[in-house]
Structures are given as structure tokens and as C-alpha cells.
Amino acid sequence: MTGKQLKNSILQWAIQGKLVPQDPNDEPASVLLERIRAEKAQLIKEGKIKKDKNESIIYQYFVKNLTII
């Protein structure tokens, strides 16, 4: 296995949550992302931060998918 293949394998395991034991008490990522989205919207409404003109593709993907759930 090359170094690049090993790095890709480790990243894949990390994404799948297989590097460390998972805590069943942890909230799902979707709940955390929804909380972050709501807090960001509140900060924008209060004028404490500005709305991103170019939000990341990852953020757009999760916000779009969270509204469907």
C-alpha cells in the first residue's frame, strides 16, 4: 500500500466513524448542523455577522438536505 492509498484509507475510515469507538449519546451530525444553521441565521438577523456571499458547497448541501428531513 502506498502512502497516498494509506492516507485515503484513513480519511475514509474517519468519515465513516471507524477510527474510534462511537458514543451512542452523541447527537447526530444532522442535529448539530441544524443548530449551527439556526445560530448563524440568528447572528445574521442581529447584525453580528454578515451573510456569506459564497457559502461553501458542503454547507449548501447540508442546509438543502436538512430542510427536506
PDB file of N, CA and C in Angstrom:
ATOM      1  N   MET A   1       0.858  -1.175   0.000  1.00  0.00           N
ATOM      2  CA  MET A   1       0.000   0.000   0.000  1.00  0.00           C
ATOM      3  C   MET A   1       0.898   1.230   0.000  1.00  0.00           C
ATOM      4  N   THR A   2       0.606   2.147  -0.905  1.00  0.00           N
ATOM      5  CA  THR A   2       1.396   3.374  -0.969  1.00  0.00           C
ATOM      6  C   THR A   2       0.947   4.346   0.122  1.00  0.00           C
ATOM      7  N   GLY A   3       1.745   5.370   0.313  1.00  0.00           N
ATOM      8  CA  GLY A   3       1.397   6.383   1.309  1.00  0.00           C
ATOM      9  C   GLY A   3       0.084   7.077   0.989  1.00  0.00           C
ATOM     10  N   LYS A   4      -0.132   7.342  -0.289  1.00  0.00           N
ATOM     11  CA  LYS A   4      -1.367   8.015  -0.698  1.00  0.00           C
ATOM     12  C   LYS A   4      -2.583   7.111  -0.449  1.00  0.00           C
ATOM     13  N   GLN A   5      -2.437   5.820  -0.729  1.00  0.00           N
ATOM     14  CA  GLN A   5      -3.538   4.881  -0.501  1.00  0.00           C
ATOM     15  C   GLN A   5      -3.843   4.778   0.994  1.00  0.00           C
ATOM     16  N   LEU A   6      -2.793   4.760   1.811  1.00  0.00           N
ATOM     17  CA  LEU A   6      -2.977   4.692   3.263  1.00  0.00           C
ATOM     18  C   LEU A   6      -3.700   5.941   3.763  1.00  0.00           C
ATOM     19  N   LYS A   7      -3.271   7.098   3.276  1.00  0.00           N
ATOM     20  CA  LYS A   7      -3.916   8.357   3.670  1.00  0.00           C
ATOM     21  C   LYS A   7      -5.392   8.338   3.281  1.00  0.00           C
ATOM     22  N   ASN A   8      -5.698   7.907   2.071  1.00  0.00           N
ATOM     23  CA  ASN A   8      -7.086   7.843   1.626  1.00  0.00           C
ATOM     24  C   ASN A   8      -7.903   6.868   2.455  1.00  0.00           C
ATOM     25  N   SER A   9      -7.291   5.738   2.826  1.00  0.00           N
ATOM     26  CA  SER A   9      -7.995   4.762   3.667  1.00  0.00           C
ATOM     27  C   SER A   9      -8.308   5.345   5.042  1.00  0.00           C
ATOM     28  N   ILE A  10      -7.339   6.024   5.624  1.00  0.00           N
ATOM     29  CA  ILE A  10      -7.547   6.629   6.953  1.00  0.00           C
ATOM     30  C   ILE A  10      -8.628   7.697   6.878  1.00  0.00           C
ATOM     31  N   LEU A  11      -8.607   8.523   5.847  1.00  0.00           N
ATOM     32  CA  LEU A  11      -9.645   9.546   5.695  1.00  0.00           C
ATOM     33  C   LEU A  11     -11.020   8.911   5.531  1.00  0.00           C
ATOM     34  N   GLN A  12     -11.095   7.837   4.767  1.00  0.00           N
ATOM     35  CA  GLN A  12     -12.365   7.145   4.565  1.00  0.00           C
ATOM     36  C   GLN A  12     -12.882   6.565   5.885  1.00  0.00           C
ATOM     37  N   TRP A  13     -11.992   5.950   6.647  1.00  0.00           N
ATOM     38  CA  TRP A  13     -12.389   5.404   7.963  1.00  0.00           C
ATOM     39  C   TRP A  13     -12.875   6.521   8.885  1.00  0.00           C
ATOM     40  N   ALA A  14     -12.187   7.669   8.835  1.00  0.00           N
ATOM     41  CA  ALA A  14     -12.587   8.798   9.678  1.00  0.00           C
ATOM     42  C   ALA A  14     -13.984   9.274   9.306  1.00  0.00           C
ATOM     43  N   ILE A  15     -14.249   9.379   8.017  1.00  0.00           N
ATOM     44  CA  ILE A  15     -15.568   9.827   7.563  1.00  0.00           C
ATOM     45  C   ILE A  15     -16.653   8.846   7.989  1.00  0.00           C
ATOM     46  N   GLN A  16     -16.311   7.563   7.970  1.00  0.00           N
ATOM     47  CA  GLN A  16     -17.283   6.534   8.343  1.00  0.00           C
ATOM     48  C   GLN A  16     -17.392   6.348   9.853  1.00  0.00           C
ATOM     49  N   GLY A  17     -16.549   7.037  10.626  1.00  0.00           N
ATOM     50  CA  GLY A  17     -16.600   6.920  12.083  1.00  0.00           C
ATOM     51  C   GLY A  17     -16.014   5.631  12.600  1.00  0.00           C
ATOM     52  N   LYS A  18     -15.039   5.069  11.876  1.00  0.00           N
ATOM     53  CA  LYS A  18     -14.470   3.772  12.251  1.00  0.00           C
ATOM     54  C   LYS A  18     -13.098   3.877  12.908  1.00  0.00           C
ATOM     55  N   LEU A  19     -12.619   5.088  13.153  1.00  0.00           N
ATOM     56  CA  LEU A  19     -11.291   5.219  13.756  1.00  0.00           C
ATOM     57  C   LEU A  19     -11.333   5.078  15.270  1.00  0.00           C
ATOM     58  N   VAL A  20     -12.398   5.517  15.878  1.00  0.00           N
ATOM     59  CA  VAL A  20     -12.542   5.433  17.336  1.00  0.00           C
ATOM     60  C   VAL A  20     -13.933   4.914  17.649  1.00  0.00           C
ATOM     61  N   PRO A  21     -14.116   4.334  18.821  1.00  0.00           N
ATOM     62  CA  PRO A  21     -15.469   3.884  19.195  1.00  0.00           C
ATOM     63  C   PRO A  21     -16.432   5.065  19.219  1.00  0.00           C
ATOM     64  N   GLN A  22     -17.630   4.844  18.751  1.00  0.00           N
ATOM     65  CA  GLN A  22     -18.633   5.900  18.704  1.00  0.00           C
ATOM     66  C   GLN A  22     -19.445   5.926  19.994  1.00  0.00           C
ATOM     67  N   ASP A  23     -19.726   7.111  20.474  1.00  0.00           N
ATOM     68  CA  ASP A  23     -20.504   7.294  21.689  1.00  0.00           C
ATOM     69  C   ASP A  23     -21.984   7.369  21.300  1.00  0.00           C
ATOM     70  N   PRO A  24     -22.793   6.407  21.750  1.00  0.00           N
ATOM     71  CA  PRO A  24     -24.216   6.431  21.388  1.00  0.00           C
ATOM     72  C   PRO A  24     -24.959   7.642  21.953  1.00  0.00           C
ATOM     73  N   ASN A  25     -24.364   8.346  22.919  1.00  0.00           N
ATOM     74  CA  ASN A  25     -25.005   9.525  23.494  1.00  0.00           C
ATOM     75  C   ASN A  25     -24.774  10.786  22.663  1.00  0.00           C
ATOM     76  N   ASP A  26     -23.853  10.719  21.699  1.00  0.00           N
ATOM     77  CA  ASP A  26     -23.608  11.877  20.833  1.00  0.00           C
ATOM     78  C   ASP A  26     -24.814  12.127  19.947  1.00  0.00           C
ATOM     79  N   GLU A  27     -25.098  13.402  19.728  1.00  0.00           N
ATOM     80  CA  GLU A  27     -26.208  13.747  18.841  1.00  0.00           C
ATOM     81  C   GLU A  27     -25.791  13.503  17.390  1.00  0.00           C
ATOM     82  N   PRO A  28     -26.744  13.234  16.534  1.00  0.00           N
ATOM     83  CA  PRO A  28     -26.418  13.036  15.115  1.00  0.00           C
ATOM     84  C   PRO A  28     -25.871  14.327  14.501  1.00  0.00           C
ATOM     85  N   ALA A  29     -25.063  14.173  13.476  1.00  0.00           N
ATOM     86  CA  ALA A  29     -24.481  15.337  12.799  1.00  0.00           C
ATOM     87  C   ALA A  29     -25.569  16.244  12.248  1.00  0.00           C
ATOM     88  N   SER A  30     -26.675  15.671  11.802  1.00  0.00           N
ATOM     89  CA  SER A  30     -27.749  16.496  11.238  1.00  0.00           C
ATOM     90  C   SER A  30     -28.319  17.454  12.281  1.00  0.00           C
ATOM     91  N   VAL A  31     -28.398  17.016  13.535  1.00  0.00           N
ATOM     92  CA  VAL A  31     -28.901  17.879  14.611  1.00  0.00           C
ATOM     93  C   VAL A  31     -27.904  19.007  14.876  1.00  0.00           C
ATOM     94  N   LEU A  32     -26.631  18.660  14.918  1.00  0.00           N
ATOM     95  CA  LEU A  32     -25.590  19.666  15.143  1.00  0.00           C
ATOM     96  C   LEU A  32     -25.584  20.688  14.011  1.00  0.00           C
ATOM     97  N   LEU A  33     -25.657  20.227  12.767  1.00  0.00           N
ATOM     98  CA  LEU A  33     -25.658  21.139  11.626  1.00  0.00           C
ATOM     99  C   LEU A  33     -26.889  22.052  11.633  1.00  0.00           C
ATOM    100  N   GLU A  34     -28.024  21.526  12.029  1.00  0.00           N
ATOM    101  CA  GLU A  34     -29.240  22.345  12.106  1.00  0.00           C
ATOM    102  C   GLU A  34     -29.087  23.417  13.189  1.00  0.00           C
ATOM    103  N   ARG A  35     -28.489  23.043  14.315  1.00  0.00           N
ATOM    104  CA  ARG A  35     -28.258  24.010  15.391  1.00  0.00           C
ATOM    105  C   ARG A  35     -27.299  25.112  14.930  1.00  0.00           C
ATOM    106  N   ILE A  36     -26.257  24.729  14.210  1.00  0.00           N
ATOM    107  CA  ILE A  36     -25.304  25.708  13.684  1.00  0.00           C
ATOM    108  C   ILE A  36     -25.994  26.634  12.689  1.00  0.00           C
ATOM    109  N   ARG A  37     -26.824  26.071  11.800  1.00  0.00           N
ATOM    110  CA  ARG A  37     -27.541  26.871  10.803  1.00  0.00           C
ATOM    111  C   ARG A  37     -28.456  27.881  11.475  1.00  0.00           C
ATOM    112  N   ALA A  38     -29.186  27.441  12.496  1.00  0.00           N
ATOM    113  CA  ALA A  38     -30.111  28.328  13.199  1.00  0.00           C
ATOM    114  C   ALA A  38     -29.355  29.435  13.936  1.00  0.00           C
ATOM    115  N   GLU A  39     -28.237  29.079  14.571  1.00  0.00           N
ATOM    116  CA  GLU A  39     -27.451  30.080  15.285  1.00  0.00           C
ATOM    117  C   GLU A  39     -26.859  31.103  14.307  1.00  0.00           C
ATOM    118  N   LYS A  40     -26.393  30.631  13.161  1.00  0.00           N
ATOM    119  CA  LYS A  40     -25.839  31.538  12.157  1.00  0.00           C
ATOM    120  C   LYS A  40     -26.921  32.478  11.634  1.00  0.00           C
ATOM    121  N   ALA A  41     -28.109  31.944  11.377  1.00  0.00           N
ATOM    122  CA  ALA A  41     -29.215  32.779  10.901  1.00  0.00           C
ATOM    123  C   ALA A  41     -29.569  33.844  11.937  1.00  0.00           C
ATOM    124  N   GLN A  42     -29.553  33.478  13.213  1.00  0.00           N
ATOM    125  CA  GLN A  42     -29.859  34.428  14.282  1.00  0.00           C
ATOM    126  C   GLN A  42     -28.800  35.526  14.347  1.00  0.00           C
ATOM    127  N   LEU A  43     -27.519  35.152  14.215  1.00  0.00           N
ATOM    128  CA  LEU A  43     -26.446  36.148  14.253  1.00  0.00           C
ATOM    129  C   LEU A  43     -26.528  37.099  13.069  1.00  0.00           C
ATOM    130  N   ILE A  44     -26.930  36.585  11.907  1.00  0.00           N
ATOM    131  CA  ILE A  44     -27.115  37.438  10.733  1.00  0.00           C
ATOM    132  C   ILE A  44     -28.273  38.395  10.975  1.00  0.00           C
ATOM    133  N   LYS A  45     -29.363  37.889  11.532  1.00  0.00           N
ATOM    134  CA  LYS A  45     -30.548  38.711  11.816  1.00  0.00           C
ATOM    135  C   LYS A  45     -30.212  39.832  12.799  1.00  0.00           C
ATOM    136  N   GLU A  46     -29.378  39.529  13.801  1.00  0.00           N
ATOM    137  CA  GLU A  46     -28.987  40.523  14.800  1.00  0.00           C
ATOM    138  C   GLU A  46     -27.925  41.485  14.272  1.00  0.00           C
ATOM    139  N   GLY A  47     -27.394  41.211  13.085  1.00  0.00           N
ATOM    140  CA  GLY A  47     -26.380  42.070  12.500  1.00  0.00           C
ATOM    141  C   GLY A  47     -24.991  41.856  13.064  1.00  0.00           C
ATOM    142  N   LYS A  48     -24.790  40.776  13.783  1.00  0.00           N
ATOM    143  CA  LYS A  48     -23.483  40.499  14.375  1.00  0.00           C
ATOM    144  C   LYS A  48     -22.510  39.922  13.356  1.00  0.00           C
ATOM    145  N   ILE A  49     -23.030  39.229  12.348  1.00  0.00           N
ATOM    146  CA  ILE A  49     -22.203  38.729  11.254  1.00  0.00           C
ATOM    147  C   ILE A  49     -22.933  39.012   9.948  1.00  0.00           C
ATOM    148  N   LYS A  50     -22.173  39.007   8.854  1.00  0.00           N
ATOM    149  CA  LYS A  50     -22.762  39.214   7.543  1.00  0.00           C
ATOM    150  C   LYS A  50     -23.034  37.858   6.892  1.00  0.00           C
ATOM    151  N   LYS A  51     -24.037  37.850   6.031  1.00  0.00           N
ATOM    152  CA  LYS A  51     -24.350  36.638   5.293  1.00  0.00           C
ATOM    153  C   LYS A  51     -23.234  36.379   4.289  1.00  0.00           C
ATOM    154  N   ASP A  52     -22.815  35.128   4.202  1.00  0.00           N
ATOM    155  CA  ASP A  52     -21.780  34.757   3.239  1.00  0.00           C
ATOM    156  C   ASP A  52     -22.315  34.923   1.825  1.00  0.00           C
ATOM    157  N   LYS A  53     -21.542  35.611   0.992  1.00  0.00           N
ATOM    158  CA  LYS A  53     -21.944  35.750  -0.408  1.00  0.00           C
ATOM    159  C   LYS A  53     -21.760  34.432  -1.140  1.00  0.00           C
ATOM    160  N   ASN A  54     -20.703  33.716  -0.808  1.00  0.00           N
ATOM    161  CA  ASN A  54     -20.394  32.443  -1.449  1.00  0.00           C
ATOM    162  C   ASN A  54     -20.239  31.367  -0.377  1.00  0.00           C
ATOM    163  N   GLU A  55     -21.364  30.823   0.077  1.00  0.00           N
ATOM    164  CA  GLU A  55     -21.302  29.772   1.084  1.00  0.00           C
ATOM    165  C   GLU A  55     -20.679  28.530   0.469  1.00  0.00           C
ATOM    166  N   SER A  56     -19.989  27.758   1.277  1.00  0.00           N
ATOM    167  CA  SER A  56     -19.314  26.571   0.769  1.00  0.00           C
ATOM    168  C   SER A  56     -20.323  25.574   0.205  1.00  0.00           C
ATOM    169  N   ILE A  57     -19.869  24.772  -0.710  1.00  0.00           N
ATOM    170  CA  ILE A  57     -20.716  23.754  -1.330  1.00  0.00           C
ATOM    171  C   ILE A  57     -21.195  22.764  -0.275  1.00  0.00           C
ATOM    172  N   ILE A  58     -20.332  22.428   0.665  1.00  0.00           N
ATOM    173  CA  ILE A  58     -20.699  21.479   1.725  1.00  0.00           C
ATOM    174  C   ILE A  58     -21.830  22.060   2.565  1.00  0.00           C
ATOM    175  N   TYR A  59     -21.716  23.333   2.953  1.00  0.00           N
ATOM    176  CA  TYR A  59     -22.757  23.970   3.754  1.00  0.00           C
ATOM    177  C   TYR A  59     -24.079  24.004   2.989  1.00  0.00           C
ATOM    178  N   GLN A  60     -24.022  24.370   1.705  1.00  0.00           N
ATOM    179  CA  GLN A  60     -25.229  24.416   0.889  1.00  0.00           C
ATOM    180  C   GLN A  60     -25.873  23.041   0.801  1.00  0.00           C
ATOM    181  N   TYR A  61     -25.074  22.005   0.639  1.00  0.00           N
ATOM    182  CA  TYR A  61     -25.580  20.634   0.539  1.00  0.00           C
ATOM    183  C   TYR A  61     -26.323  20.239   1.810  1.00  0.00           C
ATOM    184  N   PHE A  62     -25.695  20.480   2.967  1.00  0.00           N
ATOM    185  CA  PHE A  62     -26.318  20.067   4.212  1.00  0.00           C
ATOM    186  C   PHE A  62     -27.553  20.895   4.536  1.00  0.00           C
ATOM    187  N   VAL A  63     -27.537  22.189   4.263  1.00  0.00           N
ATOM    188  CA  VAL A  63     -28.710  23.017   4.524  1.00  0.00           C
ATOM    189  C   VAL A  63     -29.860  22.558   3.624  1.00  0.00           C
ATOM    190  N   LYS A  64     -29.571  22.282   2.366  1.00  0.00           N
ATOM    191  CA  LYS A  64     -30.599  21.817   1.427  1.00  0.00           C
ATOM    192  C   LYS A  64     -31.174  20.494   1.897  1.00  0.00           C
ATOM    193  N   ASN A  65     -30.339  19.569   2.319  1.00  0.00           N
ATOM    194  CA  ASN A  65     -30.803  18.259   2.740  1.00  0.00           C
ATOM    195  C   ASN A  65     -31.495  18.288   4.103  1.00  0.00           C
ATOM    196  N   LEU A  66     -31.092  19.204   4.980  1.00  0.00           N
ATOM    197  CA  LEU A  66     -31.720  19.286   6.291  1.00  0.00           C
ATOM    198  C   LEU A  66     -33.145  19.820   6.184  1.00  0.00           C
ATOM    199  N   THR A  67     -33.401  20.671   5.209  1.00  0.00           N
ATOM    200  CA  THR A  67     -34.745  21.211   5.083  1.00  0.00           C
ATOM    201  C   THR A  67     -35.715  20.145   4.572  1.00  0.00           C
ATOM    202  N   ILE A  68     -35.194  19.107   3.917  1.00  0.00           N
ATOM    203  CA  ILE A  68     -36.037  18.016   3.424  1.00  0.00           C
ATOM    204  C   ILE A  68     -36.407  17.070   4.559  1.00  0.00           C
ATOM    205  N   ILE A  69     -35.493  16.889   5.495  1.00  0.00           N
ATOM    206  CA  ILE A  69     -35.692  15.902   6.579  1.00  0.00           C
ATOM    207  C   ILE A  69     -36.822  16.293   7.480  1.00  0.00           C
TER     208      ILE A  69
END
